[in-house]
PDB file of N, CA and C in Angstrom:
ATOM      1  N   MET A   1       0.844  -1.173   0.000  1.00  0.00           N
ATOM      2  CA  MET A   1       0.000   0.000   0.000  1.00  0.00           C
ATOM      3  C   MET A   1       0.888   1.234   0.000  1.00  0.00           C
ATOM      4  N   GLY A   2       0.559   2.182  -0.869  1.00  0.00           N
ATOM      5  CA  GLY A   2       1.343   3.401  -0.954  1.00  0.00           C
ATOM      6  C   GLY A   2       0.998   4.379   0.153  1.00  0.00           C
ATOM      7  N   ILE A   3       1.865   5.342   0.322  1.00  0.00           N
ATOM      8  CA  ILE A   3       1.663   6.316   1.397  1.00  0.00           C
ATOM      9  C   ILE A   3       0.437   7.187   1.129  1.00  0.00           C
ATOM     10  N   TRP A   4       0.146   7.493  -0.145  1.00  0.00           N
ATOM     11  CA  TRP A   4      -1.024   8.328  -0.450  1.00  0.00           C
ATOM     12  C   TRP A   4      -2.311   7.580  -0.154  1.00  0.00           C
ATOM     13  N   ASN A   5      -2.341   6.284  -0.438  1.00  0.00           N
ATOM     14  CA  ASN A   5      -3.520   5.489  -0.092  1.00  0.00           C
ATOM     15  C   ASN A   5      -3.729   5.454   1.414  1.00  0.00           C
ATOM     16  N   GLN A   6      -2.640   5.350   2.164  1.00  0.00           N
ATOM     17  CA  GLN A   6      -2.715   5.329   3.622  1.00  0.00           C
ATOM     18  C   GLN A   6      -3.278   6.652   4.149  1.00  0.00           C
ATOM     19  N   ILE A   7      -2.800   7.770   3.611  1.00  0.00           N
ATOM     20  CA  ILE A   7      -3.291   9.080   4.048  1.00  0.00           C
ATOM     21  C   ILE A   7      -4.768   9.233   3.720  1.00  0.00           C
ATOM     22  N   LEU A   8      -5.171   8.806   2.535  1.00  0.00           N
ATOM     23  CA  LEU A   8      -6.583   8.906   2.156  1.00  0.00           C
ATOM     24  C   LEU A   8      -7.453   8.044   3.062  1.00  0.00           C
ATOM     25  N   GLN A   9      -6.945   6.899   3.488  1.00  0.00           N
ATOM     26  CA  GLN A   9      -7.707   6.058   4.409  1.00  0.00           C
ATOM     27  C   GLN A   9      -7.781   6.689   5.786  1.00  0.00           C
ATOM     28  N   TYR A  10      -6.710   7.335   6.251  1.00  0.00           N
ATOM     29  CA  TYR A  10      -6.727   7.998   7.554  1.00  0.00           C
ATOM     30  C   TYR A  10      -7.798   9.084   7.593  1.00  0.00           C
ATOM     31  N   LEU A  11      -7.929   9.800   6.494  1.00  0.00           N
ATOM     32  CA  LEU A  11      -8.868  10.919   6.449  1.00  0.00           C
ATOM     33  C   LEU A  11     -10.260  10.508   5.983  1.00  0.00           C
ATOM     34  N   TYR A  12     -10.508   9.221   5.891  1.00  0.00           N
ATOM     35  CA  TYR A  12     -11.798   8.663   5.478  1.00  0.00           C
ATOM     36  C   TYR A  12     -12.204   9.075   4.058  1.00  0.00           C
ATOM     37  N   ILE A  13     -11.231   9.388   3.207  1.00  0.00           N
ATOM     38  CA  ILE A  13     -11.535   9.732   1.827  1.00  0.00           C
ATOM     39  C   ILE A  13     -11.633   8.462   0.984  1.00  0.00           C
ATOM     40  N   LYS A  14     -10.844   7.468   1.341  1.00  0.00           N
ATOM     41  CA  LYS A  14     -10.836   6.205   0.606  1.00  0.00           C
ATOM     42  C   LYS A  14     -11.160   5.076   1.576  1.00  0.00           C
ATOM     43  N   LYS A  15     -11.933   4.105   1.119  1.00  0.00           N
ATOM     44  CA  LYS A  15     -12.272   2.970   1.972  1.00  0.00           C
ATOM     45  C   LYS A  15     -11.065   2.070   2.155  1.00  0.00           C
ATOM     46  N   ARG A  16     -10.963   1.475   3.340  1.00  0.00           N
ATOM     47  CA  ARG A  16      -9.831   0.597   3.622  1.00  0.00           C
ATOM     48  C   ARG A  16     -10.063  -0.774   3.004  1.00  0.00           C
ATOM     49  N   ASP A  17      -8.992  -1.515   2.872  1.00  0.00           N
ATOM     50  CA  ASP A  17      -9.045  -2.866   2.323  1.00  0.00           C
ATOM     51  C   ASP A  17      -9.760  -3.784   3.316  1.00  0.00           C
ATOM     52  N   PRO A  18     -10.843  -4.469   2.903  1.00  0.00           N
ATOM     53  CA  PRO A  18     -11.565  -5.330   3.849  1.00  0.00           C
ATOM     54  C   PRO A  18     -10.764  -6.554   4.294  1.00  0.00           C
ATOM     55  N   ASN A  19      -9.742  -6.942   3.548  1.00  0.00           N
ATOM     56  CA  ASN A  19      -8.920  -8.098   3.924  1.00  0.00           C
ATOM     57  C   ASN A  19      -7.808  -7.733   4.900  1.00  0.00           C
ATOM     58  N   GLN A  20      -7.649  -6.449   5.172  1.00  0.00           N
ATOM     59  CA  GLN A  20      -6.604  -5.979   6.068  1.00  0.00           C
ATOM     60  C   GLN A  20      -6.959  -6.333   7.515  1.00  0.00           C
ATOM     61  N   PRO A  21      -5.981  -6.813   8.302  1.00  0.00           N
ATOM     62  CA  PRO A  21      -6.292  -7.137   9.713  1.00  0.00           C
ATOM     63  C   PRO A  21      -6.688  -5.891  10.481  1.00  0.00           C
ATOM     64  N   ARG A  22      -7.636  -6.055  11.402  1.00  0.00           N
ATOM     65  CA  ARG A  22      -8.157  -4.906  12.150  1.00  0.00           C
ATOM     66  C   ARG A  22      -8.358  -5.331  13.595  1.00  0.00           C
ATOM     67  N   ASN A  23      -7.606  -4.735  14.499  1.00  0.00           N
ATOM     68  CA  ASN A  23      -7.821  -4.986  15.909  1.00  0.00           C
ATOM     69  C   ASN A  23      -7.815  -3.653  16.650  1.00  0.00           C
ATOM     70  N   THR A  24      -7.975  -3.689  17.948  1.00  0.00           N
ATOM     71  CA  THR A  24      -8.099  -2.463  18.731  1.00  0.00           C
ATOM     72  C   THR A  24      -6.844  -1.611  18.647  1.00  0.00           C
ATOM     73  N   TYR A  25      -5.676  -2.229  18.705  1.00  0.00           N
ATOM     74  CA  TYR A  25      -4.431  -1.461  18.678  1.00  0.00           C
ATOM     75  C   TYR A  25      -4.222  -0.766  17.341  1.00  0.00           C
ATOM     76  N   ILE A  26      -4.599  -1.432  16.260  1.00  0.00           N
ATOM     77  CA  ILE A  26      -4.481  -0.803  14.948  1.00  0.00           C
ATOM     78  C   ILE A  26      -5.457   0.363  14.840  1.00  0.00           C
ATOM     79  N   LYS A  27      -6.663   0.225  15.393  1.00  0.00           N
ATOM     80  CA  LYS A  27      -7.619   1.336  15.388  1.00  0.00           C
ATOM     81  C   LYS A  27      -7.069   2.532  16.148  1.00  0.00           C
ATOM     82  N   PHE A  28      -6.459   2.288  17.318  1.00  0.00           N
ATOM     83  CA  PHE A  28      -5.870   3.379  18.092  1.00  0.00           C
ATOM     84  C   PHE A  28      -4.709   4.028  17.341  1.00  0.00           C
ATOM     85  N   MET A  29      -3.880   3.200  16.704  1.00  0.00           N
ATOM     86  CA  MET A  29      -2.741   3.723  15.961  1.00  0.00           C
ATOM     87  C   MET A  29      -3.211   4.613  14.811  1.00  0.00           C
ATOM     88  N   HIS A  30      -4.218   4.164  14.071  1.00  0.00           N
ATOM     89  CA  HIS A  30      -4.735   4.963  12.969  1.00  0.00           C
ATOM     90  C   HIS A  30      -5.384   6.239  13.482  1.00  0.00           C
ATOM     91  N   GLY A  31      -6.036   6.174  14.624  1.00  0.00           N
ATOM     92  CA  GLY A  31      -6.634   7.374  15.212  1.00  0.00           C
ATOM     93  C   GLY A  31      -5.579   8.403  15.582  1.00  0.00           C
ATOM     94  N   MET A  32      -4.487   7.962  16.203  1.00  0.00           N
ATOM     95  CA  MET A  32      -3.402   8.884  16.560  1.00  0.00           C
ATOM     96  C   MET A  32      -2.731   9.445  15.308  1.00  0.00           C
ATOM     97  N   ASN A  33      -2.543   8.616  14.296  1.00  0.00           N
ATOM     98  CA  ASN A  33      -1.963   9.103  13.044  1.00  0.00           C
ATOM     99  C   ASN A  33      -2.866  10.130  12.388  1.00  0.00           C
ATOM    100  N   ARG A  34      -4.170   9.909  12.437  1.00  0.00           N
ATOM    101  CA  ARG A  34      -5.137  10.846  11.861  1.00  0.00           C
ATOM    102  C   ARG A  34      -5.057  12.191  12.579  1.00  0.00           C
ATOM    103  N   ILE A  35      -4.994  12.163  13.910  1.00  0.00           N
ATOM    104  CA  ILE A  35      -4.905  13.394  14.687  1.00  0.00           C
ATOM    105  C   ILE A  35      -3.606  14.137  14.376  1.00  0.00           C
ATOM    106  N   SER A  36      -2.489  13.424  14.330  1.00  0.00           N
ATOM    107  CA  SER A  36      -1.204  14.080  14.073  1.00  0.00           C
ATOM    108  C   SER A  36      -1.151  14.645  12.656  1.00  0.00           C
ATOM    109  N   LEU A  37      -1.733  13.962  11.697  1.00  0.00           N
ATOM    110  CA  LEU A  37      -1.757  14.462  10.326  1.00  0.00           C
ATOM    111  C   LEU A  37      -2.590  15.734  10.235  1.00  0.00           C
ATOM    112  N   LEU A  38      -3.740  15.760  10.885  1.00  0.00           N
ATOM    113  CA  LEU A  38      -4.582  16.963  10.868  1.00  0.00           C
ATOM    114  C   LEU A  38      -3.907  18.124  11.592  1.00  0.00           C
ATOM    115  N   MET A  39      -3.211  17.850  12.693  1.00  0.00           N
ATOM    116  CA  MET A  39      -2.486  18.906  13.397  1.00  0.00           C
ATOM    117  C   MET A  39      -1.361  19.460  12.527  1.00  0.00           C
ATOM    118  N   PHE A  40      -0.688  18.599  11.774  1.00  0.00           N
ATOM    119  CA  PHE A  40       0.367  19.057  10.875  1.00  0.00           C
ATOM    120  C   PHE A  40      -0.199  19.962   9.787  1.00  0.00           C
ATOM    121  N   ILE A  41      -1.326  19.579   9.203  1.00  0.00           N
ATOM    122  CA  ILE A  41      -1.941  20.391   8.156  1.00  0.00           C
ATOM    123  C   ILE A  41      -2.359  21.751   8.708  1.00  0.00           C
ATOM    124  N   VAL A  42      -2.941  21.772   9.908  1.00  0.00           N
ATOM    125  CA  VAL A  42      -3.330  23.037  10.531  1.00  0.00           C
ATOM    126  C   VAL A  42      -2.100  23.903  10.792  1.00  0.00           C
ATOM    127  N   ALA A  43      -1.004  23.310  11.268  1.00  0.00           N
ATOM    128  CA  ALA A  43       0.216  24.067  11.532  1.00  0.00           C
ATOM    129  C   ALA A  43       0.796  24.662  10.253  1.00  0.00           C
ATOM    130  N   VAL A  44       0.765  23.916   9.162  1.00  0.00           N
ATOM    131  CA  VAL A  44       1.267  24.434   7.886  1.00  0.00           C
ATOM    132  C   VAL A  44       0.408  25.605   7.422  1.00  0.00           C
ATOM    133  N   ILE A  45      -0.899  25.497   7.573  1.00  0.00           N
ATOM    134  CA  ILE A  45      -1.796  26.592   7.179  1.00  0.00           C
ATOM    135  C   ILE A  45      -1.518  27.833   8.015  1.00  0.00           C
ATOM    136  N   ILE A  46      -1.334  27.672   9.329  1.00  0.00           N
ATOM    137  CA  ILE A  46      -1.036  28.811  10.198  1.00  0.00           C
ATOM    138  C   ILE A  46       0.291  29.450   9.813  1.00  0.00           C
ATOM    139  N   MET A  47       1.299  28.634   9.507  1.00  0.00           N
ATOM    140  CA  MET A  47       2.593  29.181   9.101  1.00  0.00           C
ATOM    141  C   MET A  47       2.473  29.957   7.792  1.00  0.00           C
ATOM    142  N   LEU A  48       1.697  29.445   6.842  1.00  0.00           N
ATOM    143  CA  LEU A  48       1.504  30.163   5.580  1.00  0.00           C
ATOM    144  C   LEU A  48       0.803  31.493   5.804  1.00  0.00           C
ATOM    145  N   ILE A  49      -0.175  31.503   6.688  1.00  0.00           N
ATOM    146  CA  ILE A  49      -0.874  32.754   6.988  1.00  0.00           C
ATOM    147  C   ILE A  49       0.096  33.767   7.593  1.00  0.00           C
ATOM    148  N   LYS A  50       0.922  33.325   8.532  1.00  0.00           N
ATOM    149  CA  LYS A  50       1.864  34.240   9.172  1.00  0.00           C
ATOM    150  C   LYS A  50       2.931  34.737   8.204  1.00  0.00           C
ATOM    151  N   LEU A  51       3.379  33.881   7.303  1.00  0.00           N
ATOM    152  CA  LEU A  51       4.469  34.260   6.414  1.00  0.00           C
ATOM    153  C   LEU A  51       4.020  35.008   5.166  1.00  0.00           C
ATOM    154  N   VAL A  52       2.794  34.777   4.715  1.00  0.00           N
ATOM    155  CA  VAL A  52       2.363  35.359   3.449  1.00  0.00           C
ATOM    156  C   VAL A  52       1.304  36.442   3.644  1.00  0.00           C
ATOM    157  N   ILE A  53       0.247  36.146   4.344  1.00  0.00           N
ATOM    158  CA  ILE A  53      -0.892  37.057   4.397  1.00  0.00           C
ATOM    159  C   ILE A  53      -0.658  38.221   5.361  1.00  0.00           C
ATOM    160  N   LEU A  54      -0.129  37.959   6.548  1.00  0.00           N
ATOM    161  CA  LEU A  54       0.060  39.032   7.519  1.00  0.00           C
ATOM    162  C   LEU A  54       1.036  40.112   7.045  1.00  0.00           C
ATOM    163  N   PRO A  55       2.180  39.765   6.429  1.00  0.00           N
ATOM    164  CA  PRO A  55       3.035  40.830   5.910  1.00  0.00           C
ATOM    165  C   PRO A  55       2.372  41.676   4.825  1.00  0.00           C
ATOM    166  N   LEU A  56       1.522  41.065   4.020  1.00  0.00           N
ATOM    167  CA  LEU A  56       0.805  41.824   2.995  1.00  0.00           C
ATOM    168  C   LEU A  56      -0.210  42.793   3.619  1.00  0.00           C
ATOM    169  N   LEU A  57      -0.824  42.388   4.716  1.00  0.00           N
ATOM    170  CA  LEU A  57      -1.795  43.252   5.389  1.00  0.00           C
ATOM    171  C   LEU A  57      -1.113  44.421   6.087  1.00  0.00           C
ATOM    172  N   ARG A  58       0.092  44.208   6.594  1.00  0.00           N
ATOM    173  CA  ARG A  58       0.814  45.283   7.283  1.00  0.00           C
ATOM    174  C   ARG A  58       1.288  46.365   6.327  1.00  0.00           C
ATOM    175  N   LYS A  59       1.645  45.968   5.090  1.00  0.00           N
ATOM    176  CA  LYS A  59       2.116  46.942   4.093  1.00  0.00           C
ATOM    177  C   LYS A  59       0.973  47.794   3.553  1.00  0.00           C
ATOM    178  N   GLY A  60      -0.217  47.197   3.484  1.00  0.00           N
ATOM    179  CA  GLY A  60      -1.340  47.875   2.833  1.00  0.00           C
ATOM    180  C   GLY A  60      -2.116  48.764   3.673  1.00  0.00           C
TER     181      GLY A  60
END
């Protein structure tokens, strides 16, 4: 499985493989990965806002 397929499954965009093993620990691991991925995306968006949009607003 490729990394993009894994990310899409974490974010519930793509359905997971029904033949894949599924137990409680794997569910917890995927949940933590989902949270960390969303926090990373939010942090990147905040950094872009601080680096790009705020300097433009201060000049104008």
